């Protein structure tokens, strides 16, 4: 079973989580579990996990106590060597839970040119990636290796040295279909280059993860 851990608070835009869940599940056996609302999920029948983005910051524990459970979950997934993909906030959460550092920075909106490493997660993924974030991993967690970077972001994606755990800052579920909603909620550049999704194939990231997890 594929578990999608929804990290979006109740007042956040649900469409990111919905799109990621649709992409990940795609007719497969699975479920969506809200970490802010329902606490830690049961992992006994889970074969792989996707941790979603969020409007929360990992450093907001005082106001969002569910973040402590989220860190426990991330460490448990690594210890169990359960295939895991962390997306945006999920990228930050896993690295933070493993002793890394996440800091708030400049808001980034637009399609970025990135350097993707030689990793099965990026098979068929182009180097043009839509980015929507304001927090940054500035030091990876313990045993997390960098597998992608950009000129403005050294640790754009990471992978655990031993466990099948990957994390990416970008939203693989962000396709042209979401552009208008993202622009309304977060802002988006008007340039043609930032609105041309013709060669954006970030959604392949989820397909590649599912294959790596043995769920295809």
C-alpha atoms as a PDB file:
ATOM      1  CA  UNK A   1       0.000   0.000   0.000  1.00  0.00           C
ATOM      2  CA  UNK A   2       1.150   3.535  -0.807  1.00  0.00           C
ATOM      3  CA  UNK A   3       0.625   6.082   1.968  1.00  0.00           C
ATOM      4  CA  UNK A   4       0.444   9.797   1.132  1.00  0.00           C
ATOM      5  CA  UNK A   5       1.144  11.829   4.270  1.00  0.00           C
ATOM      6  CA  UNK A   6      -0.678  15.139   3.907  1.00  0.00           C
ATOM      7  CA  UNK A   7       1.241  17.887   5.726  1.00  0.00           C
ATOM      8  CA  UNK A   8      -0.934  20.812   4.638  1.00  0.00           C
ATOM      9  CA  UNK A   9      -2.657  22.669   7.492  1.00  0.00           C
ATOM     10  CA  UNK A  10      -6.418  23.113   7.226  1.00  0.00           C
ATOM     11  CA  UNK A  11      -6.067  26.681   5.944  1.00  0.00           C
ATOM     12  CA  UNK A  12      -3.546  25.768   3.238  1.00  0.00           C
ATOM     13  CA  UNK A  13      -4.219  25.173  -0.468  1.00  0.00           C
ATOM     14  CA  UNK A  14      -5.402  21.577  -0.750  1.00  0.00           C
ATOM     15  CA  UNK A  15      -4.856  21.304  -4.485  1.00  0.00           C
ATOM     16  CA  UNK A  16      -1.141  20.556  -4.161  1.00  0.00           C
ATOM     17  CA  UNK A  17      -1.859  17.575  -1.920  1.00  0.00           C
ATOM     18  CA  UNK A  18      -4.760  16.458  -4.115  1.00  0.00           C
ATOM     19  CA  UNK A  19      -2.646  16.600  -7.274  1.00  0.00           C
ATOM     20  CA  UNK A  20       0.253  14.757  -5.658  1.00  0.00           C
ATOM     21  CA  UNK A  21      -2.055  12.067  -4.280  1.00  0.00           C
ATOM     22  CA  UNK A  22      -3.727  11.627  -7.672  1.00  0.00           C
ATOM     23  CA  UNK A  23      -0.332  11.291  -9.329  1.00  0.00           C
ATOM     24  CA  UNK A  24       1.093   8.890  -6.736  1.00  0.00           C
ATOM     25  CA  UNK A  25      -1.916   6.640  -6.268  1.00  0.00           C
ATOM     26  CA  UNK A  26      -3.084   6.547  -9.904  1.00  0.00           C
ATOM     27  CA  UNK A  27      -5.316   3.533  -9.324  1.00  0.00           C
ATOM     28  CA  UNK A  28      -2.906   1.856  -6.907  1.00  0.00           C
ATOM     29  CA  UNK A  29      -3.911   0.628  -3.475  1.00  0.00           C
ATOM     30  CA  UNK A  30      -3.265   3.461  -1.070  1.00  0.00           C
ATOM     31  CA  UNK A  31      -4.581   6.137   1.222  1.00  0.00           C
ATOM     32  CA  UNK A  32      -4.068   9.749   2.315  1.00  0.00           C
ATOM     33  CA  UNK A  33      -3.367  10.484   5.990  1.00  0.00           C
ATOM     34  CA  UNK A  34      -3.386  14.005   7.464  1.00  0.00           C
ATOM     35  CA  UNK A  35      -0.491  14.512   9.865  1.00  0.00           C
ATOM     36  CA  UNK A  36      -1.837  17.815  11.278  1.00  0.00           C
ATOM     37  CA  UNK A  37      -5.271  16.327  11.990  1.00  0.00           C
ATOM     38  CA  UNK A  38      -4.753  12.643  12.708  1.00  0.00           C
ATOM     39  CA  UNK A  39      -1.294  12.230  14.231  1.00  0.00           C
ATOM     40  CA  UNK A  40       1.061   9.413  13.380  1.00  0.00           C
ATOM     41  CA  UNK A  41      -0.143   6.849  10.819  1.00  0.00           C
ATOM     42  CA  UNK A  42       0.070   3.095  11.217  1.00  0.00           C
ATOM     43  CA  UNK A  43       2.810   1.684   8.984  1.00  0.00           C
ATOM     44  CA  UNK A  44       2.201  -2.055   9.353  1.00  0.00           C
ATOM     45  CA  UNK A  45       0.670  -2.501   5.881  1.00  0.00           C
ATOM     46  CA  UNK A  46       2.515   0.330   4.149  1.00  0.00           C
ATOM     47  CA  UNK A  47       4.943  -0.395   1.296  1.00  0.00           C
ATOM     48  CA  UNK A  48       5.973   3.179   0.446  1.00  0.00           C
ATOM     49  CA  UNK A  49       5.303   6.734   1.619  1.00  0.00           C
ATOM     50  CA  UNK A  50       5.037  10.146  -0.023  1.00  0.00           C
ATOM     51  CA  UNK A  51       5.317  13.190   2.275  1.00  0.00           C
ATOM     52  CA  UNK A  52       3.644  16.246   0.768  1.00  0.00           C
ATOM     53  CA  UNK A  53       4.379  19.933   0.716  1.00  0.00           C
ATOM     54  CA  UNK A  54       2.958  22.361   3.250  1.00  0.00           C
ATOM     55  CA  UNK A  55       2.587  26.032   4.040  1.00  0.00           C
ATOM     56  CA  UNK A  56       4.083  25.194   7.458  1.00  0.00           C
ATOM     57  CA  UNK A  57       7.747  25.631   8.286  1.00  0.00           C
ATOM     58  CA  UNK A  58       9.658  22.918  10.130  1.00  0.00           C
ATOM     59  CA  UNK A  59      10.855  25.570  12.620  1.00  0.00           C
ATOM     60  CA  UNK A  60       7.267  26.411  13.721  1.00  0.00           C
ATOM     61  CA  UNK A  61       6.919  23.662  16.327  1.00  0.00           C
ATOM     62  CA  UNK A  62       5.681  25.997  19.070  1.00  0.00           C
ATOM     63  CA  UNK A  63       2.599  26.862  17.034  1.00  0.00           C
ATOM     64  CA  UNK A  64       2.276  23.542  15.223  1.00  0.00           C
ATOM     65  CA  UNK A  65       2.882  20.696  17.723  1.00  0.00           C
ATOM     66  CA  UNK A  66       2.106  18.081  15.058  1.00  0.00           C
ATOM     67  CA  UNK A  67       5.588  18.761  13.680  1.00  0.00           C
ATOM     68  CA  UNK A  68       7.090  16.658  16.474  1.00  0.00           C
ATOM     69  CA  UNK A  69       5.054  13.680  15.235  1.00  0.00           C
ATOM     70  CA  UNK A  70       6.152  14.459  11.680  1.00  0.00           C
ATOM     71  CA  UNK A  71       9.813  14.276  12.710  1.00  0.00           C
ATOM     72  CA  UNK A  72       9.225  10.997  14.524  1.00  0.00           C
ATOM     73  CA  UNK A  73       7.605   9.629  11.386  1.00  0.00           C
ATOM     74  CA  UNK A  74      10.508  10.710   9.163  1.00  0.00           C
ATOM     75  CA  UNK A  75      13.064   9.061  11.431  1.00  0.00           C
ATOM     76  CA  UNK A  76      10.937   5.898  11.646  1.00  0.00           C
ATOM     77  CA  UNK A  77      10.695   5.672   7.854  1.00  0.00           C
ATOM     78  CA  UNK A  78      14.476   5.826   7.562  1.00  0.00           C
ATOM     79  CA  UNK A  79      14.974   3.271  10.357  1.00  0.00           C
ATOM     80  CA  UNK A  80      12.509   0.887   8.711  1.00  0.00           C
ATOM     81  CA  UNK A  81      14.121   1.522   5.299  1.00  0.00           C
ATOM     82  CA  UNK A  82      10.624   2.084   3.931  1.00  0.00           C
ATOM     83  CA  UNK A  83      10.696   3.678   0.453  1.00  0.00           C
ATOM     84  CA  UNK A  84       9.909   7.357   0.943  1.00  0.00           C
ATOM     85  CA  UNK A  85       9.647  10.461  -1.222  1.00  0.00           C
ATOM     86  CA  UNK A  86       9.602  13.856   0.519  1.00  0.00           C
ATOM     87  CA  UNK A  87       8.255  16.745  -1.589  1.00  0.00           C
ATOM     88  CA  UNK A  88       8.970  20.441  -0.817  1.00  0.00           C
ATOM     89  CA  UNK A  89       8.074  20.588   2.901  1.00  0.00           C
ATOM     90  CA  UNK A  90       8.691  16.830   2.933  1.00  0.00           C
ATOM     91  CA  UNK A  91      12.235  17.523   1.667  1.00  0.00           C
ATOM     92  CA  UNK A  92      12.788  19.966   4.501  1.00  0.00           C
ATOM     93  CA  UNK A  93      11.143  17.740   7.118  1.00  0.00           C
ATOM     94  CA  UNK A  94      13.248  14.636   6.435  1.00  0.00           C
ATOM     95  CA  UNK A  95      16.504  16.584   6.455  1.00  0.00           C
ATOM     96  CA  UNK A  96      15.501  18.482   9.605  1.00  0.00           C
ATOM     97  CA  UNK A  97      14.460  15.268  11.369  1.00  0.00           C
ATOM     98  CA  UNK A  98      17.867  13.764  10.621  1.00  0.00           C
ATOM     99  CA  UNK A  99      19.778  16.688  12.104  1.00  0.00           C
ATOM    100  CA  UNK A 100      19.957  19.032   9.102  1.00  0.00           C
ATOM    101  CA  UNK A 101      19.119  22.719   9.048  1.00  0.00           C
ATOM    102  CA  UNK A 102      16.231  24.504   7.336  1.00  0.00           C
ATOM    103  CA  UNK A 103      15.989  28.293   7.133  1.00  0.00           C
ATOM    104  CA  UNK A 104      13.494  30.788   5.748  1.00  0.00           C
ATOM    105  CA  UNK A 105      14.772  32.739   2.741  1.00  0.00           C
ATOM    106  CA  UNK A 106      13.681  34.595  -0.362  1.00  0.00           C
ATOM    107  CA  UNK A 107      10.399  33.501  -1.905  1.00  0.00           C
ATOM    108  CA  UNK A 108      11.076  31.562  -5.086  1.00  0.00           C
ATOM    109  CA  UNK A 109       8.460  31.360  -7.810  1.00  0.00           C
ATOM    110  CA  UNK A 110       9.111  30.334 -11.400  1.00  0.00           C
ATOM    111  CA  UNK A 111      10.705  27.657 -13.525  1.00  0.00           C
ATOM    112  CA  UNK A 112      14.321  27.091 -12.510  1.00  0.00           C
ATOM    113  CA  UNK A 113      17.153  25.506 -14.444  1.00  0.00           C
ATOM    114  CA  UNK A 114      18.545  22.816 -12.174  1.00  0.00           C
ATOM    115  CA  UNK A 115      21.343  20.259 -12.201  1.00  0.00           C
ATOM    116  CA  UNK A 116      19.894  16.777 -11.677  1.00  0.00           C
ATOM    117  CA  UNK A 117      22.312  14.070 -10.633  1.00  0.00           C
ATOM    118  CA  UNK A 118      22.603  10.584 -12.051  1.00  0.00           C
ATOM    119  CA  UNK A 119      19.846   8.998  -9.988  1.00  0.00           C
ATOM    120  CA  UNK A 120      16.964   6.746 -11.055  1.00  0.00           C
ATOM    121  CA  UNK A 121      14.562   9.252  -9.484  1.00  0.00           C
ATOM    122  CA  UNK A 122      15.311  11.686 -12.316  1.00  0.00           C
ATOM    123  CA  UNK A 123      14.959   9.350 -15.280  1.00  0.00           C
ATOM    124  CA  UNK A 124      13.179  11.340 -17.991  1.00  0.00           C
ATOM    125  CA  UNK A 125      12.972  14.480 -15.819  1.00  0.00           C
ATOM    126  CA  UNK A 126      14.133  17.609 -17.623  1.00  0.00           C
ATOM    127  CA  UNK A 127      16.312  20.258 -15.995  1.00  0.00           C
ATOM    128  CA  UNK A 128      13.477  22.828 -16.065  1.00  0.00           C
ATOM    129  CA  UNK A 129      11.591  22.552 -12.790  1.00  0.00           C
ATOM    130  CA  UNK A 130       8.720  24.679 -11.387  1.00  0.00           C
ATOM    131  CA  UNK A 131       9.603  26.010  -7.940  1.00  0.00           C
ATOM    132  CA  UNK A 132       7.273  27.375  -5.238  1.00  0.00           C
ATOM    133  CA  UNK A 133       8.990  27.773  -1.852  1.00  0.00           C
ATOM    134  CA  UNK A 134      10.428  30.175   0.708  1.00  0.00           C
ATOM    135  CA  UNK A 135      12.271  27.760   3.020  1.00  0.00           C
ATOM    136  CA  UNK A 136      15.595  26.132   2.214  1.00  0.00           C
ATOM    137  CA  UNK A 137      17.632  23.151   3.370  1.00  0.00           C
ATOM    138  CA  UNK A 138      20.972  24.812   4.175  1.00  0.00           C
ATOM    139  CA  UNK A 139      22.593  21.712   5.690  1.00  0.00           C
ATOM    140  CA  UNK A 140      21.439  18.172   4.814  1.00  0.00           C
ATOM    141  CA  UNK A 141      20.529  15.658   7.469  1.00  0.00           C
ATOM    142  CA  UNK A 142      22.799  12.869   8.640  1.00  0.00           C
ATOM    143  CA  UNK A 143      23.741  10.529   5.768  1.00  0.00           C
ATOM    144  CA  UNK A 144      21.643  12.489   3.274  1.00  0.00           C
ATOM    145  CA  UNK A 145      23.554  12.982   0.022  1.00  0.00           C
ATOM    146  CA  UNK A 146      22.849  15.809  -2.415  1.00  0.00           C
ATOM    147  CA  UNK A 147      21.522  14.528  -5.751  1.00  0.00           C
ATOM    148  CA  UNK A 148      20.343  17.801  -7.343  1.00  0.00           C
ATOM    149  CA  UNK A 149      21.194  21.488  -7.064  1.00  0.00           C
ATOM    150  CA  UNK A 150      20.569  24.880  -8.659  1.00  0.00           C
ATOM    151  CA  UNK A 151      22.598  28.062  -8.853  1.00  0.00           C
ATOM    152  CA  UNK A 152      20.540  29.489  -5.991  1.00  0.00           C
ATOM    153  CA  UNK A 153      20.085  26.274  -3.975  1.00  0.00           C
ATOM    154  CA  UNK A 154      22.896  23.835  -3.140  1.00  0.00           C
ATOM    155  CA  UNK A 155      20.668  21.130  -1.659  1.00  0.00           C
ATOM    156  CA  UNK A 156      17.724  20.976  -4.046  1.00  0.00           C
ATOM    157  CA  UNK A 157      17.274  17.216  -3.622  1.00  0.00           C
ATOM    158  CA  UNK A 158      18.787  14.590  -1.366  1.00  0.00           C
ATOM    159  CA  UNK A 159      18.948  10.836  -0.974  1.00  0.00           C
ATOM    160  CA  UNK A 160      19.825   8.717   2.039  1.00  0.00           C
ATOM    161  CA  UNK A 161      23.063   6.761   1.758  1.00  0.00           C
ATOM    162  CA  UNK A 162      21.445   3.446   2.677  1.00  0.00           C
ATOM    163  CA  UNK A 163      17.672   3.713   3.074  1.00  0.00           C
ATOM    164  CA  UNK A 164      15.465   4.129  -0.052  1.00  0.00           C
ATOM    165  CA  UNK A 165      14.573   7.685   0.955  1.00  0.00           C
ATOM    166  CA  UNK A 166      14.594  10.585  -1.524  1.00  0.00           C
ATOM    167  CA  UNK A 167      13.607  14.222  -1.031  1.00  0.00           C
ATOM    168  CA  UNK A 168      13.060  17.006  -3.564  1.00  0.00           C
ATOM    169  CA  UNK A 169      12.396  20.701  -3.032  1.00  0.00           C
ATOM    170  CA  UNK A 170      10.286  21.044  -6.146  1.00  0.00           C
ATOM    171  CA  UNK A 171       6.648  20.030  -6.627  1.00  0.00           C
ATOM    172  CA  UNK A 172       6.485  17.200  -9.199  1.00  0.00           C
ATOM    173  CA  UNK A 173       2.688  17.564  -9.168  1.00  0.00           C
ATOM    174  CA  UNK A 174       2.870  21.180 -10.341  1.00  0.00           C
ATOM    175  CA  UNK A 175       1.858  20.986 -13.999  1.00  0.00           C
ATOM    176  CA  UNK A 176       0.436  23.619 -16.344  1.00  0.00           C
ATOM    177  CA  UNK A 177      -3.036  22.702 -15.070  1.00  0.00           C
ATOM    178  CA  UNK A 178      -2.209  24.249 -11.683  1.00  0.00           C
ATOM    179  CA  UNK A 179      -0.521  27.403 -12.969  1.00  0.00           C
ATOM    180  CA  UNK A 180      -3.474  29.769 -12.638  1.00  0.00           C
ATOM    181  CA  UNK A 181      -4.248  28.636  -9.096  1.00  0.00           C
ATOM    182  CA  UNK A 182      -0.609  28.878  -8.021  1.00  0.00           C
ATOM    183  CA  UNK A 183      -0.336  32.352  -9.572  1.00  0.00           C
ATOM    184  CA  UNK A 184      -3.433  33.510  -7.685  1.00  0.00           C
ATOM    185  CA  UNK A 185      -2.308  32.105  -4.337  1.00  0.00           C
ATOM    186  CA  UNK A 186       1.447  32.575  -4.399  1.00  0.00           C
ATOM    187  CA  UNK A 187       2.292  34.842  -7.339  1.00  0.00           C
ATOM    188  CA  UNK A 188       4.110  33.817 -10.510  1.00  0.00           C
ATOM    189  CA  UNK A 189       6.347  35.603 -13.034  1.00  0.00           C
ATOM    190  CA  UNK A 190       4.714  36.901 -16.218  1.00  0.00           C
ATOM    191  CA  UNK A 191       7.606  35.971 -18.510  1.00  0.00           C
ATOM    192  CA  UNK A 192       6.986  33.494 -21.314  1.00  0.00           C
ATOM    193  CA  UNK A 193       9.835  31.301 -20.071  1.00  0.00           C
ATOM    194  CA  UNK A 194       8.207  30.881 -16.662  1.00  0.00           C
ATOM    195  CA  UNK A 195       4.827  30.039 -18.205  1.00  0.00           C
ATOM    196  CA  UNK A 196       6.035  27.557 -20.802  1.00  0.00           C
ATOM    197  CA  UNK A 197       5.582  24.044 -19.404  1.00  0.00           C
ATOM    198  CA  UNK A 198       6.250  22.404 -22.762  1.00  0.00           C
ATOM    199  CA  UNK A 199       9.423  20.644 -21.647  1.00  0.00           C
ATOM    200  CA  UNK A 200       8.684  20.435 -17.913  1.00  0.00           C
ATOM    201  CA  UNK A 201       8.540  16.741 -16.970  1.00  0.00           C
ATOM    202  CA  UNK A 202       8.899  16.949 -13.199  1.00  0.00           C
ATOM    203  CA  UNK A 203       5.863  14.681 -12.772  1.00  0.00           C
ATOM    204  CA  UNK A 204       8.059  11.785 -13.908  1.00  0.00           C
ATOM    205  CA  UNK A 205       9.689  11.995 -10.474  1.00  0.00           C
ATOM    206  CA  UNK A 206       6.680  10.333  -8.847  1.00  0.00           C
ATOM    207  CA  UNK A 207       6.476   7.594 -11.484  1.00  0.00           C
ATOM    208  CA  UNK A 208      10.171   6.877 -10.973  1.00  0.00           C
ATOM    209  CA  UNK A 209       9.764   6.730  -7.207  1.00  0.00           C
ATOM    210  CA  UNK A 210       6.831   4.336  -7.483  1.00  0.00           C
ATOM    211  CA  UNK A 211       8.911   2.094  -9.759  1.00  0.00           C
ATOM    212  CA  UNK A 212      11.876   2.229  -7.374  1.00  0.00           C
ATOM    213  CA  UNK A 213       9.561   1.286  -4.506  1.00  0.00           C
ATOM    214  CA  UNK A 214       8.427  -1.779  -6.461  1.00  0.00           C
ATOM    215  CA  UNK A 215       4.794  -0.695  -6.684  1.00  0.00           C
ATOM    216  CA  UNK A 216       4.513  -0.779 -10.493  1.00  0.00           C
END
